[in-house]
């Protein structure tokens, strides 16, 4: 392993305000990095999950749909490491705006890689891609060489970004890595995601604020990890002698029902008394379970999880209980 993370190194993080950006930034600061983060709006705007880090980072405006701002961010920072995390995160929206999705994900990735080549060739680049690139891969678990058959515009855009990384690495010798990220969660995940929807509902029902939660397909399978662990894997990818692509996943598939069972068990409730299936939320069944094989990351990076599945769910439920109680909610029985 090459040395890295010493005091004095600079990291540029796109999407610093999100869940992943906040965990990564905490890690980088612990290692003594100067951290420059990009924000879509003005630097003075609310910083989301990284608000508590504002005084320790530098912020610059950069919009995925404005290529010149991305190029300027790279040219000005000339970072030792670039972590490209920013992207539209709500997959169904990609059906409404497929062209914008392609521009915000694949074109923006191309712009950043081009900016590194032209203005900061020493920069090591991490690009966050997605397990959705595999789509109907017809094999599970998936590994780095599994054939990709994306099933929506978001996944298609992520696959283009993934392939750009490999092509520029092979053609131009760029130090660029693609992190194929499976579902990764924390208490910082927005409530629009099913995991936070479940943990917040379990907490709210325990506190007597709500009676039930409506969900979709409880049999859907996902491979869940702790977001902090996944971001540590991203950092480890840029500390190696040679760049490569890695799956960051738990290697275990669990259903939405299992996630709900763990969340409600944390507060001593039976989920079947409080969950209602909304047919409008049920999607077509997936042909290939989204489960990743993290063997390469474990073998080459020495990467593993610090939080198991039950610990992760408990952490999220506890955080929701604390947040709701802090807002003045009554204590549950």
Protein backbone atom coordinates (compact mmCIF):
# COMPACT_ATOMS: atom_id res chain seq x y z
CA UNK A 1 0.00 0.00 0.00
CA UNK A 2 1.21 3.48 -0.85
CA UNK A 3 1.39 6.04 1.89
CA UNK A 4 -1.51 8.45 1.99
CA UNK A 5 -3.65 10.63 4.18
CA UNK A 6 -0.75 12.55 5.72
CA UNK A 7 -1.26 16.07 6.97
CA UNK A 8 -0.96 18.56 4.14
CA UNK A 9 -2.76 16.58 1.46
CA UNK A 10 -5.75 18.16 -0.26
CA UNK A 11 -8.97 16.34 -1.12
CA UNK A 12 -11.74 17.70 -3.32
CA UNK A 13 -15.14 16.21 -2.48
CA UNK A 14 -18.15 16.70 -4.73
CA UNK A 15 -21.44 16.27 -2.95
CA UNK A 16 -19.95 17.11 0.44
CA UNK A 17 -23.37 17.99 1.89
CA UNK A 18 -24.79 14.48 1.50
CA UNK A 19 -24.65 11.42 3.71
CA UNK A 20 -21.57 10.01 1.99
CA UNK A 21 -19.82 13.36 1.80
CA UNK A 22 -20.19 13.91 5.52
CA UNK A 23 -18.74 10.55 6.53
CA UNK A 24 -15.90 10.83 4.03
CA UNK A 25 -15.07 14.36 5.15
CA UNK A 26 -14.92 13.29 8.78
CA UNK A 27 -12.48 10.54 7.81
CA UNK A 28 -10.33 12.87 5.72
CA UNK A 29 -10.14 15.46 8.48
CA UNK A 30 -9.08 12.75 10.93
CA UNK A 31 -6.20 11.98 8.57
CA UNK A 32 -5.13 15.60 8.40
CA UNK A 33 -6.38 16.52 4.92
CA UNK A 34 -7.29 19.95 3.73
CA UNK A 35 -10.82 19.35 2.43
CA UNK A 36 -12.44 21.39 -0.33
CA UNK A 37 -16.10 20.57 -0.90
CA UNK A 38 -18.35 21.47 -3.80
CA UNK A 39 -21.88 22.71 -3.25
CA UNK A 40 -24.56 23.24 -5.86
CA UNK A 41 -25.73 26.55 -4.40
CA UNK A 42 -23.86 29.27 -2.59
CA UNK A 43 -21.24 28.25 -0.01
CA UNK A 44 -23.25 30.08 2.67
CA UNK A 45 -26.33 27.89 2.05
CA UNK A 46 -27.18 25.08 4.53
CA UNK A 47 -24.64 22.26 4.30
CA UNK A 48 -26.91 19.31 4.97
CA UNK A 49 -25.23 16.36 6.66
CA UNK A 50 -21.91 18.22 6.80
CA UNK A 51 -23.16 21.36 8.53
CA UNK A 52 -21.23 20.39 11.68
CA UNK A 53 -18.03 20.37 9.60
CA UNK A 54 -18.44 23.79 8.00
CA UNK A 55 -15.68 25.49 9.99
CA UNK A 56 -13.18 22.78 9.05
CA UNK A 57 -13.64 22.75 5.27
CA UNK A 58 -13.46 25.09 2.29
CA UNK A 59 -16.53 25.35 0.07
CA UNK A 60 -16.79 26.21 -3.62
CA UNK A 61 -19.72 26.38 -5.98
CA UNK A 62 -19.88 23.65 -8.61
CA UNK A 63 -22.95 22.40 -10.46
CA UNK A 64 -23.07 19.05 -12.26
CA UNK A 65 -25.01 20.71 -15.08
CA UNK A 66 -22.45 23.53 -15.46
CA UNK A 67 -19.20 21.97 -16.74
CA UNK A 68 -17.15 25.13 -16.38
CA UNK A 69 -17.78 25.19 -12.62
CA UNK A 70 -16.51 21.61 -12.26
CA UNK A 71 -13.39 22.39 -14.26
CA UNK A 72 -12.73 25.51 -12.18
CA UNK A 73 -13.08 23.56 -8.92
CA UNK A 74 -10.39 21.10 -10.03
CA UNK A 75 -8.10 23.75 -11.51
CA UNK A 76 -8.27 25.92 -8.38
CA UNK A 77 -7.88 23.15 -5.80
CA UNK A 78 -5.39 20.94 -7.68
CA UNK A 79 -6.20 18.22 -5.17
CA UNK A 80 -4.14 15.16 -4.35
CA UNK A 81 -7.37 13.18 -4.29
CA UNK A 82 -10.77 13.81 -5.88
CA UNK A 83 -13.84 12.02 -4.57
CA UNK A 84 -16.75 12.38 -6.96
CA UNK A 85 -19.86 11.59 -4.93
CA UNK A 86 -22.37 14.13 -6.27
CA UNK A 87 -25.20 12.77 -8.41
CA UNK A 88 -28.99 12.76 -8.58
CA UNK A 89 -30.00 10.22 -5.94
CA UNK A 90 -33.68 9.48 -6.58
CA UNK A 91 -33.68 6.81 -9.28
CA UNK A 92 -37.36 7.09 -10.42
CA UNK A 93 -36.77 10.71 -11.41
CA UNK A 94 -34.41 9.52 -14.14
CA UNK A 95 -37.41 8.32 -16.15
CA UNK A 96 -38.78 11.88 -16.17
CA UNK A 97 -35.49 13.58 -17.09
CA UNK A 98 -33.26 11.02 -18.85
CA UNK A 99 -31.18 13.60 -20.73
CA UNK A 100 -30.49 15.63 -17.61
CA UNK A 101 -29.64 12.42 -15.73
CA UNK A 102 -27.05 11.49 -18.37
CA UNK A 103 -25.57 15.00 -18.23
CA UNK A 104 -25.47 15.15 -14.42
CA UNK A 105 -23.87 11.73 -14.01
CA UNK A 106 -21.88 10.54 -17.01
CA UNK A 107 -21.08 13.89 -18.65
CA UNK A 108 -20.11 15.45 -15.31
CA UNK A 109 -17.78 12.50 -14.63
CA UNK A 110 -16.19 13.01 -18.03
CA UNK A 111 -15.74 16.72 -17.31
CA UNK A 112 -14.00 16.03 -14.00
CA UNK A 113 -11.69 13.41 -15.50
CA UNK A 114 -10.84 15.79 -18.32
CA UNK A 115 -10.17 18.60 -15.85
CA UNK A 116 -7.80 16.39 -13.89
CA UNK A 117 -5.95 15.46 -17.07
CA UNK A 118 -5.60 19.08 -18.17
CA UNK A 119 -5.11 20.92 -14.86
CA UNK A 120 -4.10 18.48 -12.13
CA UNK A 121 -2.60 15.27 -13.58
CA UNK A 122 -1.21 14.13 -10.22
CA UNK A 123 -4.74 13.83 -8.79
CA UNK A 124 -6.07 10.41 -7.85
CA UNK A 125 -9.78 10.08 -8.64
CA UNK A 126 -12.56 8.07 -7.01
CA UNK A 127 -15.92 7.96 -8.80
CA UNK A 128 -18.98 6.60 -7.00
CA UNK A 129 -20.96 4.34 -9.30
CA UNK A 130 -23.77 1.98 -8.39
CA UNK A 131 -24.82 -1.63 -8.10
CA UNK A 132 -27.66 -0.69 -10.46
CA UNK A 133 -25.21 -0.85 -13.37
CA UNK A 134 -25.60 -4.64 -13.23
CA UNK A 135 -29.38 -4.54 -13.59
CA UNK A 136 -30.66 -7.89 -14.83
CA UNK A 137 -27.20 -9.43 -14.66
CA UNK A 138 -28.61 -12.95 -14.24
CA UNK A 139 -26.04 -13.79 -11.56
CA UNK A 140 -26.00 -13.04 -7.87
CA UNK A 141 -23.88 -12.08 -6.06
CA UNK A 142 -22.29 -9.77 -8.61
CA UNK A 143 -18.53 -9.24 -8.90
CA UNK A 144 -16.48 -6.60 -10.71
CA UNK A 145 -16.56 -8.55 -14.00
CA UNK A 146 -20.27 -9.37 -13.97
CA UNK A 147 -21.96 -8.35 -17.26
CA UNK A 148 -23.93 -5.11 -16.96
CA UNK A 149 -27.54 -4.87 -18.12
CA UNK A 150 -28.92 -1.62 -16.64
CA UNK A 151 -32.68 -1.25 -16.44
CA UNK A 152 -33.24 2.51 -16.06
CA UNK A 153 -31.68 5.81 -17.24
CA UNK A 154 -29.97 6.38 -13.87
CA UNK A 155 -28.23 3.01 -14.10
CA UNK A 156 -27.30 3.62 -17.73
CA UNK A 157 -25.71 6.94 -16.79
CA UNK A 158 -23.80 5.34 -13.91
CA UNK A 159 -22.56 2.60 -16.23
CA UNK A 160 -21.28 5.21 -18.69
CA UNK A 161 -19.40 6.92 -15.84
CA UNK A 162 -18.00 3.56 -14.73
CA UNK A 163 -16.79 2.76 -18.23
CA UNK A 164 -15.27 6.22 -18.67
CA UNK A 165 -13.16 5.65 -15.58
CA UNK A 166 -11.80 2.36 -16.93
CA UNK A 167 -11.22 3.75 -20.42
CA UNK A 168 -9.26 6.80 -19.29
CA UNK A 169 -7.31 4.67 -16.87
CA UNK A 170 -6.34 2.31 -19.66
CA UNK A 171 -5.84 4.84 -22.43
CA UNK A 172 -4.29 7.79 -20.59
CA UNK A 173 -2.86 6.15 -17.51
CA UNK A 174 -5.10 8.10 -15.16
CA UNK A 175 -5.20 7.07 -11.52
CA UNK A 176 -8.97 6.65 -11.49
CA UNK A 177 -11.10 4.16 -9.60
CA UNK A 178 -14.76 3.28 -9.77
CA UNK A 179 -16.43 2.31 -6.52
CA UNK A 180 -19.43 0.12 -7.28
CA UNK A 181 -21.54 0.97 -4.26
CA UNK A 182 -24.40 -1.14 -3.00
CA UNK A 183 -27.03 0.20 -0.61
CA UNK A 184 -25.35 1.96 2.29
CA UNK A 185 -27.25 3.58 5.09
CA UNK A 186 -27.04 5.68 8.23
CA UNK A 187 -29.07 8.06 10.35
CA UNK A 188 -28.02 10.74 7.84
CA UNK A 189 -29.94 9.11 4.99
CA UNK A 190 -32.88 11.30 3.83
CA UNK A 191 -36.31 10.16 4.96
CA UNK A 192 -37.40 9.65 1.34
CA UNK A 193 -35.36 6.41 1.30
CA UNK A 194 -37.15 3.29 2.48
CA UNK A 195 -34.62 2.53 5.22
CA UNK A 196 -35.08 5.88 6.96
CA UNK A 197 -38.80 5.69 6.31
CA UNK A 198 -38.84 2.44 8.28
CA UNK A 199 -36.56 3.48 11.14
CA UNK A 200 -38.31 6.80 11.61
CA UNK A 201 -41.71 5.09 11.56
CA UNK A 202 -40.60 2.55 14.17
CA UNK A 203 -39.42 5.39 16.40
CA UNK A 204 -42.54 7.50 15.83
CA UNK A 205 -44.89 4.59 16.51
CA UNK A 206 -42.99 3.72 19.69
CA UNK A 207 -43.39 7.33 20.84
CA UNK A 208 -47.10 7.31 20.05
CA UNK A 209 -46.82 9.83 17.22
CA UNK A 210 -48.00 7.49 14.45
CA UNK A 211 -49.82 4.20 14.14
CA UNK A 212 -48.58 2.65 10.91
CA UNK A 213 -46.26 2.97 7.93
CA UNK A 214 -47.05 2.20 4.30
CA UNK A 215 -44.42 0.31 2.33
CA UNK A 216 -44.08 -1.39 -1.04
CA UNK A 217 -42.65 -4.82 -1.82
CA UNK A 218 -41.47 -6.34 1.45
CA UNK A 219 -39.74 -9.19 -0.39
CA UNK A 220 -37.37 -6.91 -2.33
CA UNK A 221 -33.74 -7.85 -1.60
CA UNK A 222 -30.95 -5.37 -0.94
CA UNK A 223 -27.33 -5.57 0.22
CA UNK A 224 -27.06 -3.05 3.08
CA UNK A 225 -23.88 -1.66 4.64
CA UNK A 226 -22.99 1.26 6.90
CA UNK A 227 -22.22 4.41 4.91
CA UNK A 228 -19.20 5.21 7.07
CA UNK A 229 -17.67 1.84 6.23
CA UNK A 230 -18.29 2.33 2.51
CA UNK A 231 -16.61 5.74 2.54
CA UNK A 232 -13.61 4.25 4.31
CA UNK A 233 -13.43 1.79 1.42
CA UNK A 234 -13.47 4.70 -1.03
CA UNK A 235 -10.51 6.27 0.78
CA UNK A 236 -8.61 2.98 0.82
CA UNK A 237 -9.04 2.68 -2.95
CA UNK A 238 -6.97 5.82 -3.48
CA UNK A 239 -4.20 4.68 -1.14
CA UNK A 240 -3.12 1.75 -3.35
CA UNK A 241 -0.09 1.59 -5.65
CA UNK A 242 -2.29 0.93 -8.68
CA UNK A 243 -5.89 2.00 -9.40
CA UNK A 244 -8.71 -0.48 -9.91
CA UNK A 245 -12.46 -0.83 -9.55
CA UNK A 246 -14.00 -2.34 -6.43
CA UNK A 247 -17.40 -3.49 -5.21
CA UNK A 248 -18.18 -2.16 -1.74
CA UNK A 249 -20.94 -4.29 -0.27
CA UNK A 250 -21.73 -6.61 2.63
CA UNK A 251 -22.10 -9.71 0.48
CA UNK A 252 -25.40 -10.58 2.17
CA UNK A 253 -28.84 -9.92 0.72
CA UNK A 254 -31.72 -9.12 3.04
CA UNK A 255 -35.35 -8.28 2.35
CA UNK A 256 -37.17 -5.08 3.22
CA UNK A 257 -39.19 -7.23 5.62
CA UNK A 258 -36.00 -8.24 7.43
CA UNK A 259 -34.97 -4.60 7.72
CA UNK A 260 -38.39 -3.74 9.14
CA UNK A 261 -38.25 -6.68 11.55
CA UNK A 262 -34.91 -5.46 12.91
CA UNK A 263 -36.12 -1.86 13.22
CA UNK A 264 -39.32 -2.68 15.07
CA UNK A 265 -37.58 -5.25 17.26
CA UNK A 266 -35.29 -2.44 18.42
CA UNK A 267 -38.31 -0.69 19.97
CA UNK A 268 -40.06 -3.87 21.12
CA UNK A 269 -42.87 -3.80 18.57
CA UNK A 270 -44.26 -6.33 16.11
CA UNK A 271 -43.91 -4.85 12.61
CA UNK A 272 -46.89 -6.83 11.35
CA UNK A 273 -49.12 -4.78 13.62
CA UNK A 274 -47.98 -1.52 12.03
CA UNK A 275 -46.94 -2.11 8.40
CA UNK A 276 -49.42 -1.77 5.56
CA UNK A 277 -48.48 -2.65 1.99
CA UNK A 278 -49.51 0.04 -0.51
CA UNK A 279 -50.03 -1.57 -3.93
CA UNK A 280 -49.06 1.72 -5.59
CA UNK A 281 -45.59 1.42 -4.04
CA UNK A 282 -45.00 -2.16 -5.22
CA UNK A 283 -42.70 -2.33 -8.23
CA UNK A 284 -42.21 -5.21 -10.66
CA UNK A 285 -40.17 -8.02 -9.07
CA UNK A 286 -36.45 -7.94 -9.81
CA UNK A 287 -35.01 -10.84 -11.75
CA UNK A 288 -31.54 -10.60 -10.19
CA UNK A 289 -31.11 -9.90 -6.45
CA UNK A 290 -28.78 -6.96 -5.84
CA UNK A 291 -26.06 -8.59 -3.77
CA UNK A 292 -22.38 -7.73 -4.17
CA UNK A 293 -19.26 -9.85 -3.74
CA UNK A 294 -16.74 -7.70 -1.79
CA UNK A 295 -13.89 -10.24 -2.04
CA UNK A 296 -11.59 -8.00 -4.07
CA UNK A 297 -11.96 -5.12 -1.61
CA UNK A 298 -11.36 -7.42 1.35
CA UNK A 299 -8.35 -9.12 -0.23
CA UNK A 300 -6.59 -6.10 -1.74
CA UNK A 301 -7.70 -3.21 0.46
CA UNK A 302 -8.04 -5.01 3.77
CA UNK A 303 -11.53 -3.51 3.90
CA UNK A 304 -14.28 -4.84 6.13
CA UNK A 305 -17.29 -3.66 8.09
CA UNK A 306 -17.24 -2.09 11.52
CA UNK A 307 -21.04 -2.24 11.83
CA UNK A 308 -23.10 -5.35 11.14
CA UNK A 309 -26.65 -5.29 9.85
CA UNK A 310 -28.43 -5.37 13.21
CA UNK A 311 -26.05 -2.77 14.65
CA UNK A 312 -26.67 -0.49 11.68
CA UNK A 313 -30.45 -0.70 12.00
CA UNK A 314 -30.24 -0.16 15.77
CA UNK A 315 -28.06 2.91 15.27
CA UNK A 316 -30.60 4.40 12.84
CA UNK A 317 -33.61 3.69 15.05
CA UNK A 318 -31.86 5.10 18.11
CA UNK A 319 -30.99 8.28 16.23
CA UNK A 320 -34.61 8.71 15.13
CA UNK A 321 -35.85 8.13 18.67
CA UNK A 322 -33.43 10.75 19.95
CA UNK A 323 -34.34 13.27 17.24
CA UNK A 324 -38.09 12.87 17.72
CA UNK A 325 -37.77 13.06 21.49
CA UNK A 326 -35.66 16.21 21.19
CA UNK A 327 -38.51 17.81 19.26
CA UNK A 328 -40.76 17.32 22.27
CA UNK A 329 -42.35 13.99 21.44
CA UNK A 330 -43.74 12.10 24.46
CA UNK A 331 -41.87 9.03 25.64
CA UNK A 332 -43.39 5.74 24.53
CA UNK A 333 -44.41 2.97 26.81
